[in-house]
Amino acid sequence: RLVARLLGAGLTVDQVARQVRRTAAWVEGRATLAGAPEDIQRAVHERAIPLGVAYALIAIDHEGYRRDLIEQAAHPRIRDELWEEAYELGLT
């Protein structure tokens, strides 16, 4: 949420990256997450799902279906499979 606030204050991605000592790609990823539906943000905050899975779920606009996928992704075995798939798709 800090990233979103800094970007909202008019800083560029590169400026935010320097300020938080991260890469521009990291900042862009967090900015994407800040714009994600609340259920995805909550699942990431609670460490129920990894970021790569969260980025993949952002594309799901049907709330009920997305909620089911989040619950499935929180299961350790399924989470590992989804993490591998997200990695293969370049989403992590």
N, C-alpha and C. Protein backbone atom coordinates (compact mmCIF):
# COMPACT_ATOMS: atom_id res chain seq x y z
N ARG A 1 0.83 -1.20 0.00
CA ARG A 1 0.00 0.00 0.00
C ARG A 1 0.86 1.25 0.00
N LEU A 2 2.05 1.13 0.55
CA LEU A 2 2.99 2.25 0.51
C LEU A 2 3.32 2.60 -0.93
N VAL A 3 3.55 1.59 -1.74
CA VAL A 3 3.88 1.83 -3.15
C VAL A 3 2.75 2.60 -3.82
N ALA A 4 1.53 2.18 -3.60
CA ALA A 4 0.38 2.85 -4.21
C ALA A 4 0.29 4.30 -3.75
N ARG A 5 0.55 4.54 -2.47
CA ARG A 5 0.50 5.93 -1.95
C ARG A 5 1.59 6.79 -2.58
N LEU A 6 2.80 6.24 -2.71
CA LEU A 6 3.89 7.01 -3.29
C LEU A 6 3.64 7.30 -4.77
N LEU A 7 3.14 6.30 -5.49
CA LEU A 7 2.82 6.52 -6.90
C LEU A 7 1.67 7.51 -7.03
N GLY A 8 0.70 7.42 -6.13
CA GLY A 8 -0.42 8.35 -6.13
C GLY A 8 -0.02 9.78 -5.81
N ALA A 9 1.10 9.91 -5.11
CA ALA A 9 1.61 11.24 -4.76
C ALA A 9 2.40 11.85 -5.91
N GLY A 10 2.53 11.10 -7.00
CA GLY A 10 3.19 11.66 -8.18
C GLY A 10 4.60 11.17 -8.44
N LEU A 11 5.13 10.30 -7.60
CA LEU A 11 6.46 9.77 -7.84
C LEU A 11 6.41 8.78 -9.00
N THR A 12 7.51 8.68 -9.73
CA THR A 12 7.59 7.70 -10.81
C THR A 12 7.94 6.34 -10.23
N VAL A 13 7.79 5.32 -11.04
CA VAL A 13 8.15 3.96 -10.61
C VAL A 13 9.62 3.92 -10.21
N ASP A 14 10.48 4.54 -11.00
CA ASP A 14 11.92 4.54 -10.67
C ASP A 14 12.21 5.28 -9.36
N GLN A 15 11.51 6.37 -9.12
CA GLN A 15 11.71 7.11 -7.87
C GLN A 15 11.27 6.28 -6.67
N VAL A 16 10.14 5.63 -6.80
CA VAL A 16 9.66 4.78 -5.70
C VAL A 16 10.62 3.62 -5.48
N ALA A 17 11.10 3.03 -6.56
CA ALA A 17 12.04 1.91 -6.46
C ALA A 17 13.30 2.32 -5.69
N ARG A 18 13.81 3.49 -6.00
CA ARG A 18 15.00 3.97 -5.27
C ARG A 18 14.67 4.22 -3.80
N GLN A 19 13.50 4.79 -3.54
CA GLN A 19 13.13 5.12 -2.18
C GLN A 19 12.95 3.87 -1.31
N VAL A 20 12.35 2.81 -1.87
CA VAL A 20 12.11 1.61 -1.09
C VAL A 20 13.21 0.56 -1.30
N ARG A 21 14.21 0.92 -2.10
CA ARG A 21 15.37 0.05 -2.36
C ARG A 21 14.97 -1.30 -2.96
N ARG A 22 14.14 -1.21 -3.98
CA ARG A 22 13.68 -2.38 -4.73
C ARG A 22 13.81 -2.07 -6.22
N THR A 23 13.57 -3.08 -7.05
CA THR A 23 13.63 -2.87 -8.48
C THR A 23 12.33 -2.23 -8.98
N ALA A 24 12.41 -1.67 -10.17
CA ALA A 24 11.21 -1.09 -10.78
C ALA A 24 10.16 -2.19 -11.01
N ALA A 25 10.60 -3.39 -11.38
CA ALA A 25 9.67 -4.50 -11.59
C ALA A 25 8.94 -4.84 -10.30
N TRP A 26 9.64 -4.80 -9.19
CA TRP A 26 9.03 -5.08 -7.89
C TRP A 26 7.95 -4.04 -7.60
N VAL A 27 8.27 -2.78 -7.84
CA VAL A 27 7.33 -1.68 -7.60
C VAL A 27 6.10 -1.85 -8.50
N GLU A 28 6.31 -2.16 -9.76
CA GLU A 28 5.19 -2.34 -10.68
C GLU A 28 4.30 -3.50 -10.24
N GLY A 29 4.92 -4.58 -9.77
CA GLY A 29 4.14 -5.72 -9.29
C GLY A 29 3.28 -5.35 -8.09
N ARG A 30 3.86 -4.60 -7.16
CA ARG A 30 3.10 -4.19 -5.98
C ARG A 30 2.00 -3.19 -6.35
N ALA A 31 2.25 -2.36 -7.33
CA ALA A 31 1.22 -1.43 -7.79
C ALA A 31 0.07 -2.21 -8.42
N THR A 32 0.38 -3.25 -9.17
CA THR A 32 -0.65 -4.10 -9.74
C THR A 32 -1.47 -4.75 -8.63
N LEU A 33 -0.78 -5.24 -7.63
CA LEU A 33 -1.47 -5.88 -6.51
C LEU A 33 -2.36 -4.88 -5.77
N ALA A 34 -1.92 -3.65 -5.65
CA ALA A 34 -2.71 -2.63 -4.96
C ALA A 34 -4.03 -2.36 -5.68
N GLY A 35 -4.06 -2.61 -6.98
CA GLY A 35 -5.28 -2.42 -7.75
C GLY A 35 -6.13 -3.67 -7.86
N ALA A 36 -5.68 -4.74 -7.21
CA ALA A 36 -6.39 -6.02 -7.27
C ALA A 36 -7.63 -5.99 -6.38
N PRO A 37 -8.58 -6.87 -6.65
CA PRO A 37 -9.75 -6.96 -5.77
C PRO A 37 -9.33 -7.24 -4.32
N GLU A 38 -10.14 -6.80 -3.40
CA GLU A 38 -9.83 -6.89 -1.97
C GLU A 38 -9.59 -8.33 -1.50
N ASP A 39 -10.33 -9.30 -2.07
CA ASP A 39 -10.14 -10.67 -1.62
C ASP A 39 -8.74 -11.19 -1.96
N ILE A 40 -8.21 -10.77 -3.08
CA ILE A 40 -6.85 -11.17 -3.45
C ILE A 40 -5.85 -10.48 -2.54
N GLN A 41 -6.02 -9.20 -2.32
CA GLN A 41 -5.10 -8.48 -1.44
C GLN A 41 -5.08 -9.09 -0.05
N ARG A 42 -6.26 -9.43 0.45
CA ARG A 42 -6.35 -10.02 1.79
C ARG A 42 -5.64 -11.37 1.84
N ALA A 43 -5.83 -12.20 0.82
CA ALA A 43 -5.19 -13.52 0.78
C ALA A 43 -3.66 -13.40 0.74
N VAL A 44 -3.16 -12.41 0.02
CA VAL A 44 -1.71 -12.19 -0.02
C VAL A 44 -1.23 -11.68 1.33
N HIS A 45 -1.95 -10.73 1.90
CA HIS A 45 -1.57 -10.17 3.21
C HIS A 45 -1.54 -11.25 4.29
N GLU A 46 -2.48 -12.17 4.22
CA GLU A 46 -2.55 -13.27 5.20
C GLU A 46 -1.59 -14.41 4.83
N ARG A 47 -0.87 -14.24 3.74
CA ARG A 47 0.08 -15.25 3.24
C ARG A 47 -0.59 -16.58 2.90
N ALA A 48 -1.85 -16.49 2.49
CA ALA A 48 -2.57 -17.69 2.09
C ALA A 48 -2.20 -18.11 0.68
N ILE A 49 -1.85 -17.14 -0.16
CA ILE A 49 -1.44 -17.44 -1.53
C ILE A 49 -0.18 -16.64 -1.87
N PRO A 50 0.66 -17.18 -2.75
CA PRO A 50 1.85 -16.44 -3.17
C PRO A 50 1.50 -15.36 -4.19
N LEU A 51 2.40 -14.41 -4.36
CA LEU A 51 2.16 -13.30 -5.27
C LEU A 51 1.91 -13.75 -6.69
N GLY A 52 2.67 -14.73 -7.17
CA GLY A 52 2.48 -15.21 -8.54
C GLY A 52 1.07 -15.70 -8.79
N VAL A 53 0.52 -16.39 -7.81
CA VAL A 53 -0.87 -16.87 -7.92
C VAL A 53 -1.82 -15.68 -7.87
N ALA A 54 -1.53 -14.73 -7.01
CA ALA A 54 -2.38 -13.54 -6.92
C ALA A 54 -2.44 -12.80 -8.25
N TYR A 55 -1.29 -12.64 -8.91
CA TYR A 55 -1.28 -11.96 -10.19
C TYR A 55 -2.12 -12.71 -11.22
N ALA A 56 -2.07 -14.03 -11.19
CA ALA A 56 -2.88 -14.82 -12.11
C ALA A 56 -4.37 -14.66 -11.81
N LEU A 57 -4.72 -14.56 -10.54
CA LEU A 57 -6.13 -14.46 -10.15
C LEU A 57 -6.73 -13.09 -10.44
N ILE A 58 -5.90 -12.07 -10.60
CA ILE A 58 -6.41 -10.73 -10.89
C ILE A 58 -7.25 -10.73 -12.16
N ALA A 59 -6.92 -11.60 -13.09
CA ALA A 59 -7.65 -11.64 -14.36
C ALA A 59 -9.06 -12.23 -14.22
N ILE A 60 -9.36 -12.86 -13.10
CA ILE A 60 -10.67 -13.48 -12.89
C ILE A 60 -11.63 -12.43 -12.35
N ASP A 61 -12.62 -12.06 -13.16
CA ASP A 61 -13.52 -10.99 -12.71
C ASP A 61 -14.80 -11.51 -12.07
N HIS A 62 -15.06 -12.80 -12.14
CA HIS A 62 -16.25 -13.37 -11.49
C HIS A 62 -15.91 -13.61 -10.02
N GLU A 63 -16.53 -12.84 -9.13
CA GLU A 63 -16.15 -12.85 -7.72
C GLU A 63 -16.28 -14.22 -7.07
N GLY A 64 -17.37 -14.91 -7.31
CA GLY A 64 -17.57 -16.22 -6.70
C GLY A 64 -16.54 -17.24 -7.17
N TYR A 65 -16.29 -17.25 -8.45
CA TYR A 65 -15.29 -18.17 -9.01
C TYR A 65 -13.90 -17.85 -8.46
N ARG A 66 -13.59 -16.55 -8.41
CA ARG A 66 -12.28 -16.13 -7.88
C ARG A 66 -12.14 -16.53 -6.41
N ARG A 67 -13.20 -16.37 -5.64
CA ARG A 67 -13.17 -16.75 -4.23
C ARG A 67 -12.89 -18.25 -4.09
N ASP A 68 -13.55 -19.06 -4.93
CA ASP A 68 -13.29 -20.50 -4.91
C ASP A 68 -11.84 -20.81 -5.25
N LEU A 69 -11.31 -20.12 -6.25
CA LEU A 69 -9.92 -20.35 -6.63
C LEU A 69 -8.95 -19.94 -5.52
N ILE A 70 -9.26 -18.85 -4.83
CA ILE A 70 -8.42 -18.42 -3.71
C ILE A 70 -8.43 -19.49 -2.62
N GLU A 71 -9.61 -20.01 -2.31
CA GLU A 71 -9.69 -21.07 -1.29
C GLU A 71 -8.90 -22.30 -1.71
N GLN A 72 -9.00 -22.67 -2.98
CA GLN A 72 -8.24 -23.81 -3.47
C GLN A 72 -6.74 -23.53 -3.43
N ALA A 73 -6.36 -22.32 -3.82
CA ALA A 73 -4.95 -21.96 -3.84
C ALA A 73 -4.34 -21.92 -2.45
N ALA A 74 -5.18 -21.73 -1.44
CA ALA A 74 -4.68 -21.69 -0.06
C ALA A 74 -4.34 -23.09 0.45
N HIS A 75 -4.82 -24.11 -0.23
CA HIS A 75 -4.49 -25.49 0.15
C HIS A 75 -3.04 -25.75 -0.27
N PRO A 76 -2.19 -26.25 0.63
CA PRO A 76 -0.75 -26.37 0.32
C PRO A 76 -0.42 -27.12 -0.97
N ARG A 77 -1.05 -28.26 -1.23
CA ARG A 77 -0.70 -29.02 -2.43
C ARG A 77 -1.11 -28.26 -3.69
N ILE A 78 -2.32 -27.73 -3.69
CA ILE A 78 -2.80 -26.98 -4.85
C ILE A 78 -2.00 -25.70 -5.02
N ARG A 79 -1.67 -25.04 -3.90
CA ARG A 79 -0.88 -23.82 -3.96
C ARG A 79 0.45 -24.08 -4.65
N ASP A 80 1.10 -25.18 -4.35
CA ASP A 80 2.38 -25.51 -4.99
C ASP A 80 2.21 -25.71 -6.49
N GLU A 81 1.12 -26.38 -6.88
CA GLU A 81 0.86 -26.58 -8.31
C GLU A 81 0.60 -25.25 -9.01
N LEU A 82 -0.19 -24.38 -8.39
CA LEU A 82 -0.47 -23.08 -8.98
C LEU A 82 0.77 -22.20 -9.04
N TRP A 83 1.61 -22.29 -8.02
CA TRP A 83 2.85 -21.53 -8.00
C TRP A 83 3.73 -21.95 -9.17
N GLU A 84 3.84 -23.25 -9.41
CA GLU A 84 4.63 -23.76 -10.53
C GLU A 84 4.06 -23.29 -11.86
N GLU A 85 2.73 -23.33 -11.99
CA GLU A 85 2.10 -22.88 -13.22
C GLU A 85 2.31 -21.39 -13.45
N ALA A 86 2.17 -20.59 -12.40
CA ALA A 86 2.40 -19.15 -12.52
C ALA A 86 3.83 -18.87 -12.92
N TYR A 87 4.77 -19.64 -12.36
CA TYR A 87 6.18 -19.46 -12.71
C TYR A 87 6.41 -19.78 -14.19
N GLU A 88 5.82 -20.88 -14.64
CA GLU A 88 5.98 -21.28 -16.04
C GLU A 88 5.37 -20.24 -16.99
N LEU A 89 4.32 -19.57 -16.56
CA LEU A 89 3.69 -18.55 -17.37
C LEU A 89 4.39 -17.20 -17.26
N GLY A 90 5.42 -17.13 -16.42
CA GLY A 90 6.15 -15.87 -16.26
C GLY A 90 5.44 -14.85 -15.41
N LEU A 91 4.54 -15.31 -14.54
CA LEU A 91 3.77 -14.39 -13.72
C LEU A 91 4.42 -14.12 -12.37
N THR A 92 5.55 -14.73 -12.11
CA THR A 92 6.21 -14.51 -10.82
C THR A 92 7.52 -13.80 -11.01
